[in-house]
Amino acid sequence: MSSTTLPNGTVQVAYNASLFASGGTQPYTWSVTSGALPPGISLSASTGALSGTPSQAGGFSFTVQVK
């Protein structure tokens, strides 16, 4: 399963989005494998949650892997 688009964020407004996985053996570990998250946004390695307050506008491309 893959997601190609996440909800847009707004500079200086709190952002939250969740990535999901199924199958395999839990617990899952999430990581960014290419590109970069927007400044101010972090990925929870244990839950797949993207959260924070973006500090820069623009389009950001990144790849997230779950193991």
N, C-alpha and C. Protein backbone atom coordinates (compact mmCIF):
# COMPACT_ATOMS: atom_id res chain seq x y z
N MET A 1 0.85 -1.17 0.00
CA MET A 1 0.00 0.00 0.00
C MET A 1 0.89 1.23 0.00
N SER A 2 0.53 2.24 -0.76
CA SER A 2 1.30 3.48 -0.71
C SER A 2 0.37 4.67 -0.85
N SER A 3 0.80 5.75 -0.25
CA SER A 3 0.09 7.02 -0.38
C SER A 3 0.96 7.93 -1.21
N THR A 4 0.37 8.60 -2.16
CA THR A 4 1.16 9.50 -2.99
C THR A 4 0.93 10.95 -2.63
N THR A 5 -0.13 11.23 -1.90
CA THR A 5 -0.45 12.62 -1.55
C THR A 5 -0.92 12.68 -0.10
N LEU A 6 -0.43 13.67 0.60
CA LEU A 6 -0.87 13.94 1.96
C LEU A 6 -1.62 15.27 1.97
N PRO A 7 -2.43 15.51 2.99
CA PRO A 7 -3.12 16.81 3.06
C PRO A 7 -2.10 17.95 3.11
N ASN A 8 -2.43 19.06 2.44
CA ASN A 8 -1.57 20.23 2.48
C ASN A 8 -1.53 20.82 3.87
N GLY A 9 -0.40 21.39 4.22
CA GLY A 9 -0.26 22.11 5.48
C GLY A 9 -0.26 23.61 5.22
N THR A 10 -0.30 24.36 6.28
CA THR A 10 -0.25 25.82 6.22
C THR A 10 0.87 26.29 7.13
N VAL A 11 1.70 27.20 6.63
CA VAL A 11 2.81 27.71 7.42
C VAL A 11 2.30 28.27 8.74
N GLN A 12 2.97 27.89 9.81
CA GLN A 12 2.70 28.32 11.18
C GLN A 12 1.35 27.85 11.74
N VAL A 13 0.79 26.78 11.14
CA VAL A 13 -0.45 26.17 11.66
C VAL A 13 -0.13 24.70 11.93
N ALA A 14 -0.48 24.22 13.11
CA ALA A 14 -0.20 22.83 13.50
C ALA A 14 -0.72 21.85 12.44
N TYR A 15 0.09 20.83 12.16
CA TYR A 15 -0.22 19.83 11.14
C TYR A 15 -0.17 18.44 11.76
N ASN A 16 -1.12 17.60 11.39
CA ASN A 16 -1.14 16.20 11.81
C ASN A 16 -1.68 15.34 10.68
N ALA A 17 -0.98 14.27 10.36
CA ALA A 17 -1.45 13.28 9.39
C ALA A 17 -0.87 11.94 9.82
N SER A 18 -1.57 10.88 9.49
CA SER A 18 -1.11 9.54 9.88
C SER A 18 -0.91 8.67 8.66
N LEU A 19 0.18 7.92 8.66
CA LEU A 19 0.45 6.92 7.64
C LEU A 19 0.01 5.57 8.20
N PHE A 20 -0.43 4.69 7.34
CA PHE A 20 -0.93 3.40 7.78
C PHE A 20 -0.25 2.27 7.03
N ALA A 21 -0.12 1.15 7.68
CA ALA A 21 0.41 -0.07 7.06
C ALA A 21 -0.38 -1.25 7.57
N SER A 22 -0.40 -2.32 6.79
CA SER A 22 -1.06 -3.54 7.24
C SER A 22 -0.22 -4.73 6.80
N GLY A 23 -0.43 -5.83 7.46
CA GLY A 23 0.32 -7.03 7.15
C GLY A 23 1.65 -7.04 7.87
N GLY A 24 2.44 -8.05 7.60
CA GLY A 24 3.74 -8.14 8.25
C GLY A 24 3.60 -8.36 9.75
N THR A 25 4.69 -8.14 10.44
CA THR A 25 4.74 -8.35 11.87
C THR A 25 4.95 -7.02 12.58
N GLN A 26 4.06 -6.71 13.50
CA GLN A 26 4.22 -5.49 14.28
C GLN A 26 5.15 -5.76 15.45
N PRO A 27 5.81 -4.79 16.04
CA PRO A 27 5.62 -3.36 15.79
C PRO A 27 6.33 -2.92 14.51
N TYR A 28 5.76 -1.92 13.86
CA TYR A 28 6.35 -1.33 12.67
C TYR A 28 7.34 -0.24 13.07
N THR A 29 8.29 0.01 12.19
CA THR A 29 9.22 1.13 12.35
C THR A 29 9.19 1.95 11.07
N TRP A 30 8.89 3.23 11.21
CA TRP A 30 8.77 4.15 10.09
C TRP A 30 10.02 5.01 9.97
N SER A 31 10.43 5.29 8.72
CA SER A 31 11.58 6.17 8.51
C SER A 31 11.49 6.84 7.15
N VAL A 32 12.11 8.01 7.03
CA VAL A 32 12.21 8.71 5.75
C VAL A 32 13.45 8.16 5.05
N THR A 33 13.27 7.64 3.83
CA THR A 33 14.40 7.02 3.13
C THR A 33 14.94 7.89 2.00
N SER A 34 14.19 8.87 1.54
CA SER A 34 14.71 9.80 0.55
C SER A 34 13.92 11.10 0.63
N GLY A 35 14.54 12.16 0.15
CA GLY A 35 13.91 13.47 0.23
C GLY A 35 13.97 13.99 1.66
N ALA A 36 13.16 14.98 1.95
CA ALA A 36 13.16 15.57 3.30
C ALA A 36 11.76 16.05 3.65
N LEU A 37 11.41 15.88 4.92
CA LEU A 37 10.15 16.40 5.42
C LEU A 37 10.21 17.93 5.42
N PRO A 38 9.07 18.59 5.33
CA PRO A 38 9.07 20.05 5.43
C PRO A 38 9.67 20.49 6.77
N PRO A 39 10.37 21.61 6.79
CA PRO A 39 10.91 22.12 8.06
C PRO A 39 9.79 22.30 9.09
N GLY A 40 10.02 21.78 10.29
CA GLY A 40 9.03 21.86 11.36
C GLY A 40 8.15 20.64 11.49
N ILE A 41 8.24 19.71 10.54
CA ILE A 41 7.42 18.48 10.57
C ILE A 41 8.32 17.31 10.92
N SER A 42 7.84 16.42 11.77
CA SER A 42 8.61 15.22 12.12
C SER A 42 7.74 13.98 11.93
N LEU A 43 8.41 12.86 11.78
CA LEU A 43 7.77 11.56 11.60
C LEU A 43 8.02 10.73 12.84
N SER A 44 6.97 10.20 13.45
CA SER A 44 7.12 9.30 14.58
C SER A 44 7.52 7.92 14.05
N ALA A 45 8.68 7.45 14.45
CA ALA A 45 9.17 6.15 13.99
C ALA A 45 8.27 5.00 14.46
N SER A 46 7.57 5.19 15.57
CA SER A 46 6.77 4.09 16.12
C SER A 46 5.31 4.09 15.66
N THR A 47 4.78 5.26 15.28
CA THR A 47 3.36 5.32 14.91
C THR A 47 3.08 5.70 13.47
N GLY A 48 4.05 6.28 12.77
CA GLY A 48 3.81 6.75 11.41
C GLY A 48 3.09 8.08 11.36
N ALA A 49 3.03 8.79 12.48
CA ALA A 49 2.36 10.09 12.51
C ALA A 49 3.31 11.18 12.05
N LEU A 50 2.81 12.04 11.18
CA LEU A 50 3.52 13.24 10.77
C LEU A 50 2.90 14.40 11.53
N SER A 51 3.72 15.16 12.24
CA SER A 51 3.16 16.24 13.03
C SER A 51 4.18 17.35 13.22
N GLY A 52 3.67 18.50 13.60
CA GLY A 52 4.50 19.66 13.87
C GLY A 52 3.86 20.89 13.28
N THR A 53 4.64 21.96 13.20
CA THR A 53 4.16 23.22 12.64
C THR A 53 5.10 23.59 11.50
N PRO A 54 4.62 23.49 10.26
CA PRO A 54 5.50 23.80 9.13
C PRO A 54 5.96 25.26 9.17
N SER A 55 7.24 25.48 8.86
CA SER A 55 7.79 26.82 8.90
C SER A 55 8.14 27.35 7.52
N GLN A 56 7.87 26.55 6.49
CA GLN A 56 8.22 26.97 5.13
C GLN A 56 7.15 26.47 4.16
N ALA A 57 6.79 27.34 3.22
CA ALA A 57 5.82 26.96 2.18
C ALA A 57 6.54 26.27 1.03
N GLY A 58 5.79 25.55 0.23
CA GLY A 58 6.35 24.90 -0.95
C GLY A 58 5.96 23.46 -1.03
N GLY A 59 6.33 22.83 -2.10
CA GLY A 59 6.07 21.41 -2.28
C GLY A 59 7.26 20.61 -1.79
N PHE A 60 7.02 19.54 -1.08
CA PHE A 60 8.09 18.70 -0.53
C PHE A 60 7.84 17.27 -0.95
N SER A 61 8.87 16.63 -1.45
CA SER A 61 8.77 15.25 -1.89
C SER A 61 9.68 14.39 -1.01
N PHE A 62 9.12 13.31 -0.48
CA PHE A 62 9.90 12.42 0.37
C PHE A 62 9.31 11.02 0.28
N THR A 63 10.12 10.05 0.62
CA THR A 63 9.69 8.65 0.64
C THR A 63 9.81 8.13 2.07
N VAL A 64 8.75 7.48 2.52
CA VAL A 64 8.74 6.89 3.86
C VAL A 64 8.68 5.37 3.72
N GLN A 65 9.45 4.69 4.51
CA GLN A 65 9.48 3.23 4.51
C GLN A 65 8.99 2.73 5.86
N VAL A 66 8.28 1.61 5.82
CA VAL A 66 7.88 0.96 7.07
C VAL A 66 8.44 -0.45 7.06
N LYS A 67 9.02 -0.84 8.19
CA LYS A 67 9.58 -2.19 8.36
C LYS A 67 8.89 -2.85 9.52
